[in-house]
Amino acid sequence: MPFPDIGTDLFSFDIGGVTFALRWYALAYIFGILIGWRICSSAISRPALWTSAGPPLDRTQIEDLLTWIIIGVIAGGRLGFVLFYQPAYYLANPLEILMVWQGGMSFHGGFAGVVIAALLFCLRQNASLLSTGDLLALATPPGLFLGRLANFTNNELWGRPTDVPWAVIFPGEVAQACPGVSGLCARHPSQLYEAVLEGLILGILLIYLAWGRGWLKMPGALAGVFLTGYGLARSFVEMFRQPDQQFVTADNPIGHALHFGEWGLTMGQLLSMPMALVGLALIVFARRERGRTAPPRRAAM
């Protein structure tokens, strides 16, 4: 399929030689945060979803936490990209670390930034970290969904060459540099795979568990589902994504960050698989705590 080239900007204009633009990627962040805030507000307004202690935060605290999260996402996402993917380049060009408008953000770095921001906020507010983590788990998938769509429209993070019927012909010299492929090179739209798995499906599952199965009564359980779901989804899609160029060598064409012969893990898998393990541990812990604190059932007469 041809690439639907709608550009990187919704609109742009020049004033005095300076270009002002509203980019799809910025819109993804803005609307992702707003939708996440609305989901959190809806969840805390329903006391029946929570334990007898009630929701961990009120509306005012949710709005205050939003500022902390934005700082954590931007700072963590940028530093994560610098440290995980191009440390040598930014060590030689440290001033470019601040140039976030040039692109280069890491989900795993942004996630670490959010965790640190949420931890500090909960300590200041004396709020439950696990229940706040459940709220953030509910809020995150819409941003992931929109962010991956923005990756697609920005013609970045595309997949490996393939001949599947839904393959996309991404434009540009780099995207068309496919060894062994004659003519136009079509690739997996791996951004859309991630949008569906990490954003849509995971988001629907979390909302179902929160509203339909009462999982907010088990602090930490939804955070565990998010970590597990994202870790598994990202690790799976990494098999279709174009490898990070800085890891590609003659004896490592797949771009494994950790490899032994032909076997290895990409950087995305290396960072995501521990998330899945931590998530499973959180689910087990939350369910055990729920069973330990639940009142005993009365015997049937």
Protein backbone atom coordinates (compact mmCIF):
# COMPACT_ATOMS: atom_id res chain seq x y z
CA MET A 1 0.00 0.00 0.00
CA PRO A 2 1.24 3.54 -0.66
CA PHE A 3 2.09 5.67 2.36
CA PRO A 4 -0.70 8.19 3.20
CA ASP A 5 1.63 11.19 3.26
CA ILE A 6 -0.37 13.76 5.26
CA GLY A 7 2.78 15.50 6.51
CA THR A 8 4.12 15.98 10.01
CA ASP A 9 2.16 19.19 10.71
CA LEU A 10 -1.53 19.92 11.08
CA PHE A 11 -0.69 23.47 10.01
CA SER A 12 2.29 25.82 9.95
CA PHE A 13 2.87 29.51 9.25
CA ASP A 14 5.73 31.99 9.22
CA ILE A 15 5.96 35.21 11.23
CA GLY A 16 9.03 37.34 10.71
CA GLY A 17 11.00 34.46 9.29
CA VAL A 18 10.12 32.17 12.21
CA THR A 19 8.02 29.10 11.46
CA PHE A 20 5.27 28.13 13.90
CA ALA A 21 3.75 24.68 13.48
CA LEU A 22 1.32 22.37 15.24
CA ARG A 23 2.67 18.87 14.77
CA TRP A 24 0.71 15.64 14.85
CA TYR A 25 3.14 14.31 17.44
CA ALA A 26 2.44 17.23 19.77
CA LEU A 27 -1.30 16.70 19.29
CA ALA A 28 -0.86 13.03 20.21
CA TYR A 29 0.76 14.06 23.50
CA ILE A 30 -1.88 16.72 24.21
CA PHE A 31 -4.92 14.58 23.48
CA GLY A 32 -3.38 11.49 25.08
CA ILE A 33 -2.89 13.39 28.33
CA LEU A 34 -6.39 14.92 28.20
CA ILE A 35 -8.06 11.56 27.57
CA GLY A 36 -6.00 9.96 30.32
CA TRP A 37 -7.02 12.75 32.73
CA ARG A 38 -10.67 12.21 31.83
CA ILE A 39 -10.41 8.45 32.47
CA CYS A 40 -8.79 9.07 35.86
CA SER A 41 -11.47 11.62 36.78
CA SER A 42 -14.19 9.16 35.85
CA ALA A 43 -12.59 6.38 37.91
CA ILE A 44 -12.18 8.43 41.10
CA SER A 45 -15.76 9.68 40.86
CA ARG A 46 -17.04 6.12 41.38
CA PRO A 47 -16.26 5.06 44.97
CA ALA A 48 -17.79 1.62 44.35
CA LEU A 49 -14.82 0.75 42.12
CA TRP A 50 -12.38 1.07 45.02
CA THR A 51 -11.70 -0.51 48.38
CA SER A 52 -13.28 0.91 51.52
CA ALA A 53 -10.36 3.38 51.67
CA GLY A 54 -11.68 5.02 48.48
CA PRO A 55 -9.69 6.37 45.52
CA PRO A 56 -6.09 7.41 46.22
CA LEU A 57 -6.47 10.96 44.89
CA ASP A 58 -9.16 13.61 44.54
CA ARG A 59 -9.77 15.77 41.47
CA THR A 60 -7.45 18.56 42.61
CA GLN A 61 -4.64 16.09 43.26
CA ILE A 62 -5.20 14.49 39.84
CA GLU A 63 -4.74 17.88 38.20
CA ASP A 64 -1.59 18.54 40.24
CA LEU A 65 -0.22 15.09 39.37
CA LEU A 66 -0.75 15.89 35.68
CA THR A 67 1.98 18.55 35.83
CA TRP A 68 4.40 16.12 37.44
CA ILE A 69 3.60 13.48 34.81
CA ILE A 70 4.20 15.86 31.90
CA ILE A 71 7.62 16.75 33.29
CA GLY A 72 8.41 13.08 33.91
CA VAL A 73 7.37 12.03 30.40
CA ILE A 74 9.40 14.71 28.62
CA ALA A 75 12.52 14.57 30.80
CA GLY A 76 12.51 10.79 31.14
CA GLY A 77 11.66 10.16 27.50
CA ARG A 78 14.49 12.35 26.27
CA LEU A 79 17.11 11.09 28.71
CA GLY A 80 16.04 7.52 28.02
CA PHE A 81 16.62 7.99 24.30
CA VAL A 82 20.01 9.55 24.99
CA LEU A 83 21.16 6.81 27.39
CA PHE A 84 19.61 3.75 25.76
CA TYR A 85 20.02 4.45 22.07
CA GLN A 86 22.65 7.09 21.25
CA PRO A 87 24.88 7.71 24.31
CA ALA A 88 28.09 8.15 22.30
CA TYR A 89 26.56 10.76 19.97
CA TYR A 90 25.09 12.88 22.77
CA LEU A 91 28.25 12.56 24.84
CA ALA A 92 30.02 14.26 21.93
CA ASN A 93 27.13 16.74 21.43
CA PRO A 94 25.69 17.38 24.93
CA LEU A 95 23.85 20.59 23.99
CA GLU A 96 21.64 18.62 21.59
CA ILE A 97 20.17 16.71 24.52
CA LEU A 98 17.95 19.73 25.14
CA MET A 99 16.77 19.90 21.51
CA VAL A 100 13.68 17.74 21.98
CA TRP A 101 12.01 19.35 18.96
CA GLN A 102 14.48 17.47 16.74
CA GLY A 103 12.91 14.17 17.83
CA GLY A 104 14.24 11.29 19.84
CA MET A 105 12.09 10.06 22.73
CA SER A 106 12.10 6.69 24.46
CA PHE A 107 8.96 5.12 25.90
CA HIS A 108 10.96 3.24 28.52
CA GLY A 109 12.71 6.44 29.57
CA GLY A 110 9.39 8.27 29.71
CA PHE A 111 7.94 5.42 31.75
CA ALA A 112 10.83 5.66 34.24
CA GLY A 113 10.27 9.41 34.44
CA VAL A 114 6.58 8.89 35.20
CA VAL A 115 7.37 6.31 37.89
CA ILE A 116 9.80 8.69 39.61
CA ALA A 117 7.37 11.61 39.33
CA ALA A 118 4.48 9.53 40.69
CA LEU A 119 6.60 8.19 43.55
CA LEU A 120 7.67 11.68 44.63
CA PHE A 121 4.12 12.99 44.30
CA CYS A 122 2.62 10.14 46.35
CA LEU A 123 5.22 10.64 49.08
CA ARG A 124 4.38 14.36 49.25
CA GLN A 125 0.64 13.71 49.26
CA ASN A 126 0.74 10.58 51.44
CA ALA A 127 -1.22 8.75 48.73
CA SER A 128 -1.20 5.04 47.90
CA LEU A 129 1.49 4.42 45.30
CA LEU A 130 -0.05 1.16 44.08
CA SER A 131 -3.55 2.60 43.61
CA THR A 132 -2.09 5.70 41.94
CA GLY A 133 -0.18 3.34 39.67
CA ASP A 134 -3.48 1.68 38.76
CA LEU A 135 -4.88 5.09 37.78
CA LEU A 136 -1.85 5.84 35.62
CA ALA A 137 -2.15 2.41 34.00
CA LEU A 138 -5.72 3.25 32.97
CA ALA A 139 -4.63 6.64 31.64
CA THR A 140 -1.62 5.57 29.55
CA PRO A 141 -2.97 3.46 26.63
CA PRO A 142 -4.76 6.35 24.84
CA GLY A 143 -1.48 8.26 24.69
CA LEU A 144 0.31 5.18 23.40
CA PHE A 145 -2.34 4.66 20.73
CA LEU A 146 -2.18 8.26 19.51
CA GLY A 147 1.61 8.39 19.81
CA ARG A 148 2.06 5.33 17.59
CA LEU A 149 -0.33 6.80 15.03
CA ALA A 150 1.83 9.93 15.07
CA ASN A 151 4.93 7.76 14.52
CA PHE A 152 3.18 6.38 11.45
CA THR A 153 2.21 9.76 10.00
CA ASN A 154 5.72 11.05 10.75
CA ASN A 155 7.19 8.23 8.64
CA GLU A 156 9.36 6.92 11.49
CA LEU A 157 9.94 3.67 13.39
CA TRP A 158 8.71 1.62 10.44
CA GLY A 159 9.08 -2.12 10.22
CA ARG A 160 11.23 -4.58 8.35
CA PRO A 161 10.79 -5.30 4.63
CA THR A 162 7.95 -7.73 3.90
CA ASP A 163 5.55 -8.83 1.18
CA VAL A 164 2.41 -9.15 3.34
CA PRO A 165 -0.69 -7.64 1.66
CA TRP A 166 -0.92 -4.76 4.16
CA ALA A 167 2.74 -3.74 3.83
CA VAL A 168 3.31 -0.01 3.37
CA ILE A 169 5.70 1.69 0.95
CA PHE A 170 7.25 4.33 3.20
CA PRO A 171 8.91 7.22 1.33
CA GLY A 172 12.49 8.36 1.69
CA GLU A 173 15.91 7.09 0.77
CA VAL A 174 16.48 5.34 4.09
CA ALA A 175 13.11 3.60 4.10
CA GLN A 176 13.71 2.41 0.54
CA ALA A 177 17.21 1.11 1.27
CA CYS A 178 16.27 -2.57 1.42
CA PRO A 179 19.08 -5.01 0.51
CA GLY A 180 17.95 -7.69 -1.88
CA VAL A 181 14.70 -5.90 -2.81
CA SER A 182 14.29 -4.73 -6.40
CA GLY A 183 11.86 -1.90 -7.09
CA LEU A 184 9.81 -0.32 -4.34
CA CYS A 185 10.39 -1.66 -0.83
CA ALA A 186 7.32 -2.32 1.32
CA ARG A 187 7.59 -2.65 5.08
CA HIS A 188 5.58 -3.79 8.07
CA PRO A 189 3.57 -0.85 9.48
CA SER A 190 4.89 -1.78 12.92
CA GLN A 191 3.71 1.55 14.35
CA LEU A 192 0.13 0.44 13.70
CA TYR A 193 0.78 -2.98 15.25
CA GLU A 194 1.90 -1.21 18.41
CA ALA A 195 -1.02 1.23 18.32
CA VAL A 196 -3.48 -1.67 18.28
CA LEU A 197 -1.71 -3.90 20.82
CA GLU A 198 -0.27 -1.36 23.30
CA GLY A 199 -2.99 1.23 22.94
CA LEU A 200 -6.34 -0.11 21.81
CA ILE A 201 -6.44 -3.72 23.03
CA LEU A 202 -4.53 -3.11 26.26
CA GLY A 203 -6.62 -0.01 26.99
CA ILE A 204 -9.91 -1.86 26.50
CA LEU A 205 -8.70 -4.72 28.70
CA LEU A 206 -7.74 -2.36 31.52
CA ILE A 207 -11.06 -0.51 31.42
CA TYR A 208 -12.95 -3.82 31.41
CA LEU A 209 -10.99 -5.09 34.42
CA ALA A 210 -11.50 -1.80 36.30
CA TRP A 211 -15.18 -1.22 35.58
CA GLY A 212 -16.36 -4.76 34.89
CA ARG A 213 -14.29 -6.98 37.18
CA GLY A 214 -13.49 -4.79 40.18
CA TRP A 215 -9.70 -4.93 39.83
CA LEU A 216 -9.27 -1.45 41.34
CA LYS A 217 -10.09 -3.15 44.64
CA MET A 218 -6.72 -4.94 44.34
CA PRO A 219 -4.11 -2.14 44.52
CA GLY A 220 -1.33 -2.73 42.03
CA ALA A 221 -3.19 -5.28 39.91
CA LEU A 222 -4.02 -2.98 36.99
CA ALA A 223 -0.51 -1.54 37.05
CA GLY A 224 0.71 -5.12 36.78
CA VAL A 225 -1.58 -5.85 33.83
CA PHE A 226 -0.32 -2.74 32.05
CA LEU A 227 3.34 -3.62 32.62
CA THR A 228 2.81 -7.21 31.51
CA GLY A 229 0.67 -6.28 28.51
CA TYR A 230 3.02 -3.58 27.30
CA GLY A 231 6.12 -5.69 27.86
CA LEU A 232 4.73 -8.64 25.90
CA ALA A 233 3.24 -6.50 23.11
CA ARG A 234 6.42 -4.48 22.59
CA SER A 235 8.61 -7.59 22.69
CA PHE A 236 6.39 -9.21 20.06
CA VAL A 237 6.31 -6.21 17.72
CA GLU A 238 10.09 -5.87 17.96
CA MET A 239 10.25 -8.93 15.70
CA PHE A 240 8.70 -6.81 12.93
CA ARG A 241 10.34 -3.43 13.59
CA GLN A 242 13.34 -2.21 11.65
CA PRO A 243 16.34 -2.72 13.96
CA ASP A 244 17.99 0.29 15.56
CA GLN A 245 20.74 1.25 13.13
CA GLN A 246 23.35 1.88 15.80
CA PHE A 247 23.21 -1.79 16.79
CA VAL A 248 23.42 -3.19 13.24
CA THR A 249 26.76 -4.66 12.19
CA ALA A 250 27.92 -7.16 9.57
CA ASP A 251 27.64 -10.03 12.07
CA ASN A 252 24.52 -8.61 13.74
CA PRO A 253 22.12 -7.66 10.89
CA ILE A 254 19.02 -7.94 13.11
CA GLY A 255 20.33 -5.21 15.38
CA HIS A 256 20.33 -7.14 18.64
CA ALA A 257 21.53 -5.09 21.59
CA LEU A 258 22.44 -8.33 23.35
CA HIS A 259 23.32 -11.30 21.18
CA PHE A 260 25.09 -14.62 21.14
CA GLY A 261 25.54 -15.78 17.57
CA GLU A 262 22.20 -15.58 15.77
CA TRP A 263 20.18 -15.41 18.99
CA GLY A 264 19.62 -12.17 20.82
CA LEU A 265 17.37 -9.42 22.09
CA THR A 266 16.75 -5.99 20.64
CA MET A 267 17.02 -2.98 22.92
CA GLY A 268 13.21 -2.75 22.96
CA GLN A 269 12.95 -6.38 24.10
CA LEU A 270 15.77 -5.97 26.60
CA LEU A 271 13.89 -3.10 28.25
CA SER A 272 10.39 -4.56 27.89
CA MET A 273 10.76 -8.11 29.13
CA PRO A 274 11.71 -7.06 32.70
CA MET A 275 8.57 -4.87 32.66
CA ALA A 276 6.47 -7.96 31.93
CA LEU A 277 8.10 -9.90 34.77
CA VAL A 278 7.58 -7.05 37.25
CA GLY A 279 3.99 -6.78 36.06
CA LEU A 280 3.31 -10.48 36.67
CA ALA A 281 4.81 -10.17 40.15
CA LEU A 282 2.55 -7.18 40.87
CA ILE A 283 -0.56 -9.10 39.79
CA VAL A 284 0.34 -12.07 42.00
CA PHE A 285 1.07 -9.77 44.95
CA ALA A 286 -2.16 -7.80 44.52
CA ARG A 287 -4.32 -10.92 44.30
CA ARG A 288 -2.66 -12.47 47.34
CA GLU A 289 -3.16 -9.29 49.35
CA ARG A 290 -6.79 -9.20 48.28
CA GLY A 291 -7.26 -12.79 49.42
CA ARG A 292 -5.50 -12.12 52.72
CA THR A 293 -7.56 -9.04 53.61
CA ALA A 294 -10.93 -10.18 52.25
CA PRO A 295 -13.51 -10.99 54.97
CA PRO A 296 -14.20 -14.73 55.39
CA ARG A 297 -17.28 -16.07 53.69
CA ARG A 298 -20.14 -17.25 55.82
CA ALA A 299 -20.92 -20.92 55.62
CA ALA A 300 -24.10 -21.76 53.72
CA MET A 301 -26.99 -22.89 55.93
